[in-house]
C-alpha atoms as a PDB file:
ATOM      1  CA  UNK A   1      23.620  59.432 -61.064  1.00  0.00           C
ATOM      2  CA  UNK A   2      26.591  57.311 -58.845  1.00  0.00           C
ATOM      3  CA  UNK A   3      26.574  60.774 -56.903  1.00  0.00           C
ATOM      4  CA  UNK A   4      22.628  61.119 -56.243  1.00  0.00           C
ATOM      5  CA  UNK A   5      22.966  56.298 -55.589  1.00  0.00           C
ATOM      6  CA  UNK A   6      25.104  56.827 -52.566  1.00  0.00           C
ATOM      7  CA  UNK A   7      23.013  59.515 -51.129  1.00  0.00           C
ATOM      8  CA  UNK A   8      20.031  57.501 -51.547  1.00  0.00           C
ATOM      9  CA  UNK A   9      20.979  54.234 -50.322  1.00  0.00           C
ATOM     10  CA  UNK A  10      22.534  56.114 -47.179  1.00  0.00           C
ATOM     11  CA  UNK A  11      19.451  57.714 -46.681  1.00  0.00           C
ATOM     12  CA  UNK A  12      17.576  54.220 -46.901  1.00  0.00           C
ATOM     13  CA  UNK A  13      20.199  51.959 -45.381  1.00  0.00           C
ATOM     14  CA  UNK A  14      19.303  54.653 -42.824  1.00  0.00           C
ATOM     15  CA  UNK A  15      16.339  54.053 -42.105  1.00  0.00           C
ATOM     16  CA  UNK A  16      16.272  50.271 -42.683  1.00  0.00           C
ATOM     17  CA  UNK A  17      18.895  50.199 -39.817  1.00  0.00           C
ATOM     18  CA  UNK A  18      16.255  52.311 -37.679  1.00  0.00           C
ATOM     19  CA  UNK A  19      12.945  51.064 -38.404  1.00  0.00           C
ATOM     20  CA  UNK A  20      14.765  46.862 -37.619  1.00  0.00           C
ATOM     21  CA  UNK A  21      16.374  47.982 -34.637  1.00  0.00           C
ATOM     22  CA  UNK A  22      12.714  48.997 -33.343  1.00  0.00           C
ATOM     23  CA  UNK A  23      10.991  45.868 -34.174  1.00  0.00           C
ATOM     24  CA  UNK A  24      13.355  44.155 -32.947  1.00  0.00           C
ATOM     25  CA  UNK A  25      13.336  46.072 -29.705  1.00  0.00           C
ATOM     26  CA  UNK A  26       9.587  45.383 -30.456  1.00  0.00           C
ATOM     27  CA  UNK A  27      10.201  41.912 -30.178  1.00  0.00           C
ATOM     28  CA  UNK A  28      11.836  41.057 -26.996  1.00  0.00           C
ATOM     29  CA  UNK A  29       8.857  40.863 -25.457  1.00  0.00           C
ATOM     30  CA  UNK A  30       7.857  37.753 -27.326  1.00  0.00           C
ATOM     31  CA  UNK A  31      11.973  35.875 -26.371  1.00  0.00           C
ATOM     32  CA  UNK A  32      14.383  35.775 -28.227  1.00  0.00           C
ATOM     33  CA  UNK A  33      13.552  33.241 -31.277  1.00  0.00           C
ATOM     34  CA  UNK A  34      11.094  35.824 -32.369  1.00  0.00           C
ATOM     35  CA  UNK A  35      13.762  38.120 -32.010  1.00  0.00           C
ATOM     36  CA  UNK A  36      16.547  35.998 -34.064  1.00  0.00           C
ATOM     37  CA  UNK A  37      13.776  35.602 -36.611  1.00  0.00           C
ATOM     38  CA  UNK A  38      13.185  38.912 -37.744  1.00  0.00           C
ATOM     39  CA  UNK A  39      17.634  39.708 -36.769  1.00  0.00           C
ATOM     40  CA  UNK A  40      18.114  37.474 -39.516  1.00  0.00           C
ATOM     41  CA  UNK A  41      15.855  39.866 -41.817  1.00  0.00           C
ATOM     42  CA  UNK A  42      17.324  42.830 -40.769  1.00  0.00           C
ATOM     43  CA  UNK A  43      21.273  41.212 -41.325  1.00  0.00           C
ATOM     44  CA  UNK A  44      20.115  40.757 -45.166  1.00  0.00           C
ATOM     45  CA  UNK A  45      18.442  43.739 -45.896  1.00  0.00           C
ATOM     46  CA  UNK A  46      20.679  45.431 -44.658  1.00  0.00           C
ATOM     47  CA  UNK A  47      23.439  42.966 -45.805  1.00  0.00           C
ATOM     48  CA  UNK A  48      24.801  44.675 -49.792  1.00  0.00           C
ATOM     49  CA  UNK A  49      22.579  45.342 -51.953  1.00  0.00           C
ATOM     50  CA  UNK A  50      22.663  48.742 -54.511  1.00  0.00           C
ATOM     51  CA  UNK A  51      19.826  50.334 -53.475  1.00  0.00           C
ATOM     52  CA  UNK A  52      19.056  50.509 -57.473  1.00  0.00           C
ATOM     53  CA  UNK A  53      15.045  50.890 -56.928  1.00  0.00           C
ATOM     54  CA  UNK A  54      14.996  53.087 -54.110  1.00  0.00           C
ATOM     55  CA  UNK A  55      17.117  55.666 -56.380  1.00  0.00           C
ATOM     56  CA  UNK A  56      15.134  55.084 -59.335  1.00  0.00           C
ATOM     57  CA  UNK A  57      12.336  55.830 -57.630  1.00  0.00           C
ATOM     58  CA  UNK A  58      13.482  59.054 -56.360  1.00  0.00           C
ATOM     59  CA  UNK A  59      14.790  59.635 -59.515  1.00  0.00           C
ATOM     60  CA  UNK A  60      11.898  59.534 -61.155  1.00  0.00           C
ATOM     61  CA  UNK A  61       9.942  61.021 -58.744  1.00  0.00           C
ATOM     62  CA  UNK A  62      11.939  64.081 -58.575  1.00  0.00           C
ATOM     63  CA  UNK A  63      12.219  64.593 -62.446  1.00  0.00           C
ATOM     64  CA  UNK A  64       7.341  64.671 -61.888  1.00  0.00           C
ATOM     65  CA  UNK A  65       7.676  66.890 -59.356  1.00  0.00           C
ATOM     66  CA  UNK A  66      11.739  68.264 -58.691  1.00  0.00           C
ATOM     67  CA  UNK A  67      10.120  71.268 -56.058  1.00  0.00           C
ATOM     68  CA  UNK A  68       8.512  68.512 -54.149  1.00  0.00           C
ATOM     69  CA  UNK A  69       9.473  67.212 -50.540  1.00  0.00           C
ATOM     70  CA  UNK A  70      11.644  63.434 -51.384  1.00  0.00           C
ATOM     71  CA  UNK A  71      10.258  61.974 -48.004  1.00  0.00           C
ATOM     72  CA  UNK A  72       7.559  59.971 -49.925  1.00  0.00           C
ATOM     73  CA  UNK A  73       9.694  58.879 -52.596  1.00  0.00           C
ATOM     74  CA  UNK A  74      12.194  58.098 -49.847  1.00  0.00           C
ATOM     75  CA  UNK A  75       8.991  56.051 -47.975  1.00  0.00           C
ATOM     76  CA  UNK A  76       8.740  54.400 -50.962  1.00  0.00           C
ATOM     77  CA  UNK A  77      12.162  53.219 -51.605  1.00  0.00           C
ATOM     78  CA  UNK A  78      12.072  51.442 -48.142  1.00  0.00           C
ATOM     79  CA  UNK A  79       9.321  49.975 -49.426  1.00  0.00           C
ATOM     80  CA  UNK A  80      10.868  48.077 -51.998  1.00  0.00           C
ATOM     81  CA  UNK A  81      13.884  47.355 -50.421  1.00  0.00           C
ATOM     82  CA  UNK A  82      11.825  45.883 -47.566  1.00  0.00           C
ATOM     83  CA  UNK A  83      10.654  43.701 -50.330  1.00  0.00           C
ATOM     84  CA  UNK A  84      13.320  43.103 -52.437  1.00  0.00           C
ATOM     85  CA  UNK A  85      14.668  41.215 -48.668  1.00  0.00           C
ATOM     86  CA  UNK A  86      11.363  39.689 -47.911  1.00  0.00           C
ATOM     87  CA  UNK A  87      11.200  38.351 -51.488  1.00  0.00           C
ATOM     88  CA  UNK A  88      15.409  37.532 -51.674  1.00  0.00           C
ATOM     89  CA  UNK A  89      14.411  35.490 -48.750  1.00  0.00           C
ATOM     90  CA  UNK A  90      11.580  33.694 -50.171  1.00  0.00           C
ATOM     91  CA  UNK A  91      13.948  33.292 -53.472  1.00  0.00           C
ATOM     92  CA  UNK A  92      17.231  31.481 -51.286  1.00  0.00           C
ATOM     93  CA  UNK A  93      14.908  29.110 -49.222  1.00  0.00           C
ATOM     94  CA  UNK A  94      13.111  27.458 -53.204  1.00  0.00           C
ATOM     95  CA  UNK A  95      16.727  27.769 -54.474  1.00  0.00           C
ATOM     96  CA  UNK A  96      18.347  25.970 -52.114  1.00  0.00           C
ATOM     97  CA  UNK A  97      20.650  28.739 -51.489  1.00  0.00           C
ATOM     98  CA  UNK A  98      23.204  28.582 -48.552  1.00  0.00           C
ATOM     99  CA  UNK A  99      24.127  31.720 -48.649  1.00  0.00           C
ATOM    100  CA  UNK A 100      23.304  35.272 -50.137  1.00  0.00           C
ATOM    101  CA  UNK A 101      25.716  38.601 -50.563  1.00  0.00           C
ATOM    102  CA  UNK A 102      28.365  36.734 -48.529  1.00  0.00           C
ATOM    103  CA  UNK A 103      26.411  35.679 -45.882  1.00  0.00           C
ATOM    104  CA  UNK A 104      24.269  32.537 -44.765  1.00  0.00           C
ATOM    105  CA  UNK A 105      21.161  33.286 -46.519  1.00  0.00           C
ATOM    106  CA  UNK A 106      18.242  33.439 -43.768  1.00  0.00           C
ATOM    107  CA  UNK A 107      17.152  29.973 -43.953  1.00  0.00           C
ATOM    108  CA  UNK A 108      20.799  28.732 -43.462  1.00  0.00           C
ATOM    109  CA  UNK A 109      20.862  31.119 -40.767  1.00  0.00           C
ATOM    110  CA  UNK A 110      17.929  30.276 -38.484  1.00  0.00           C
ATOM    111  CA  UNK A 111      18.191  25.911 -39.116  1.00  0.00           C
ATOM    112  CA  UNK A 112      22.132  26.714 -37.899  1.00  0.00           C
ATOM    113  CA  UNK A 113      20.190  28.339 -35.244  1.00  0.00           C
ATOM    114  CA  UNK A 114      17.432  26.862 -34.339  1.00  0.00           C
ATOM    115  CA  UNK A 115      19.214  23.205 -35.023  1.00  0.00           C
ATOM    116  CA  UNK A 116      16.526  22.107 -36.956  1.00  0.00           C
ATOM    117  CA  UNK A 117      15.314  22.607 -41.075  1.00  0.00           C
ATOM    118  CA  UNK A 118      11.849  22.485 -41.133  1.00  0.00           C
ATOM    119  CA  UNK A 119      11.755  24.950 -38.109  1.00  0.00           C
ATOM    120  CA  UNK A 120      14.780  27.210 -40.149  1.00  0.00           C
ATOM    121  CA  UNK A 121      12.718  27.547 -43.087  1.00  0.00           C
ATOM    122  CA  UNK A 122       9.425  27.933 -41.479  1.00  0.00           C
ATOM    123  CA  UNK A 123      11.177  30.917 -39.114  1.00  0.00           C
ATOM    124  CA  UNK A 124      12.878  32.483 -41.932  1.00  0.00           C
ATOM    125  CA  UNK A 125       9.498  32.793 -44.495  1.00  0.00           C
ATOM    126  CA  UNK A 126       8.102  34.454 -41.185  1.00  0.00           C
ATOM    127  CA  UNK A 127      10.414  36.688 -41.371  1.00  0.00           C
ATOM    128  CA  UNK A 128      10.027  37.325 -45.019  1.00  0.00           C
ATOM    129  CA  UNK A 129       6.160  37.583 -44.023  1.00  0.00           C
ATOM    130  CA  UNK A 130       7.394  40.242 -41.701  1.00  0.00           C
ATOM    131  CA  UNK A 131       9.579  42.161 -44.362  1.00  0.00           C
ATOM    132  CA  UNK A 132       6.959  42.239 -46.457  1.00  0.00           C
ATOM    133  CA  UNK A 133       4.351  44.028 -44.198  1.00  0.00           C
ATOM    134  CA  UNK A 134       6.766  46.642 -42.550  1.00  0.00           C
ATOM    135  CA  UNK A 135       6.899  47.228 -46.755  1.00  0.00           C
ATOM    136  CA  UNK A 136       3.005  47.515 -47.088  1.00  0.00           C
ATOM    137  CA  UNK A 137       3.535  49.794 -43.830  1.00  0.00           C
ATOM    138  CA  UNK A 138       6.094  52.036 -44.868  1.00  0.00           C
ATOM    139  CA  UNK A 139       3.849  53.015 -48.259  1.00  0.00           C
ATOM    140  CA  UNK A 140       0.538  53.450 -46.537  1.00  0.00           C
ATOM    141  CA  UNK A 141       2.567  55.691 -44.219  1.00  0.00           C
ATOM    142  CA  UNK A 142       3.650  57.937 -46.621  1.00  0.00           C
ATOM    143  CA  UNK A 143       2.964  61.730 -46.202  1.00  0.00           C
ATOM    144  CA  UNK A 144       0.664  62.061 -49.621  1.00  0.00           C
ATOM    145  CA  UNK A 145      -3.138  62.525 -49.595  1.00  0.00           C
ATOM    146  CA  UNK A 146      -4.533  59.255 -48.842  1.00  0.00           C
ATOM    147  CA  UNK A 147      -6.572  58.467 -52.286  1.00  0.00           C
ATOM    148  CA  UNK A 148      -2.225  58.834 -53.754  1.00  0.00           C
ATOM    149  CA  UNK A 149      -1.364  56.186 -50.370  1.00  0.00           C
ATOM    150  CA  UNK A 150      -4.413  54.073 -51.937  1.00  0.00           C
ATOM    151  CA  UNK A 151      -3.202  53.772 -55.315  1.00  0.00           C
ATOM    152  CA  UNK A 152       0.577  53.404 -54.447  1.00  0.00           C
ATOM    153  CA  UNK A 153      -0.274  50.380 -51.862  1.00  0.00           C
ATOM    154  CA  UNK A 154      -2.250  49.381 -54.975  1.00  0.00           C
ATOM    155  CA  UNK A 155       0.673  49.096 -57.418  1.00  0.00           C
ATOM    156  CA  UNK A 156       2.910  47.930 -54.882  1.00  0.00           C
ATOM    157  CA  UNK A 157       0.705  45.246 -54.122  1.00  0.00           C
ATOM    158  CA  UNK A 158      -0.305  44.046 -57.987  1.00  0.00           C
ATOM    159  CA  UNK A 159       3.998  44.354 -58.447  1.00  0.00           C
ATOM    160  CA  UNK A 160       4.415  42.186 -56.096  1.00  0.00           C
ATOM    161  CA  UNK A 161       2.006  39.861 -57.003  1.00  0.00           C
ATOM    162  CA  UNK A 162       4.027  39.586 -60.390  1.00  0.00           C
ATOM    163  CA  UNK A 163       6.596  38.575 -58.846  1.00  0.00           C
ATOM    164  CA  UNK A 164       4.938  35.747 -56.929  1.00  0.00           C
ATOM    165  CA  UNK A 165       3.725  34.670 -60.519  1.00  0.00           C
ATOM    166  CA  UNK A 166       7.202  34.845 -62.225  1.00  0.00           C
ATOM    167  CA  UNK A 167       8.964  33.278 -59.090  1.00  0.00           C
ATOM    168  CA  UNK A 168       6.150  30.353 -60.107  1.00  0.00           C
ATOM    169  CA  UNK A 169       7.458  30.321 -63.645  1.00  0.00           C
ATOM    170  CA  UNK A 170      10.704  30.316 -62.700  1.00  0.00           C
ATOM    171  CA  UNK A 171      10.905  27.472 -60.014  1.00  0.00           C
ATOM    172  CA  UNK A 172       8.726  25.196 -62.648  1.00  0.00           C
ATOM    173  CA  UNK A 173      11.781  26.312 -65.509  1.00  0.00           C
ATOM    174  CA  UNK A 174      10.171  25.485 -68.693  1.00  0.00           C
ATOM    175  CA  UNK A 175      10.792  26.842 -71.388  1.00  0.00           C
ATOM    176  CA  UNK A 176       7.435  27.737 -72.484  1.00  0.00           C
ATOM    177  CA  UNK A 177       6.697  29.734 -69.435  1.00  0.00           C
ATOM    178  CA  UNK A 178      10.298  32.417 -70.717  1.00  0.00           C
ATOM    179  CA  UNK A 179       8.060  34.498 -72.549  1.00  0.00           C
END
């Protein structure tokens, strides 16, 4: 599994890099501040991460359809990793964490860049929102039958909403919410 994980990790990292580099290039027209916002999201998404989610998604896909092209699974894996980066940005801000994966958290990096806590936090939230949009787009664009794509996006949104509820419970920290 470790060799498989490393192969999928390399493919997902390559896709993340290409996608986010293209998005940042497209943001040039809006100026350096918008580019920096998305660049911070790119930095976090590419800084570390084992890519277990993408590998498990791909392994499950291949388990069900061993002869099929893995392209749809890689699109789904990319979506999961973008979702994870988006969630980490929010989690770091909510928890007040200034570091993530050996570097500054998104809100800390943007706070330093903009010299303002509110602008840094707001820009980090927007970076996460942008990554969420890219995640949904990646999944919706997978080369599968339209009805399967719709079901996948619906399930993906359910996963997202479950994480939001879990984060709210975590943030409140009540023992009664553990179960």
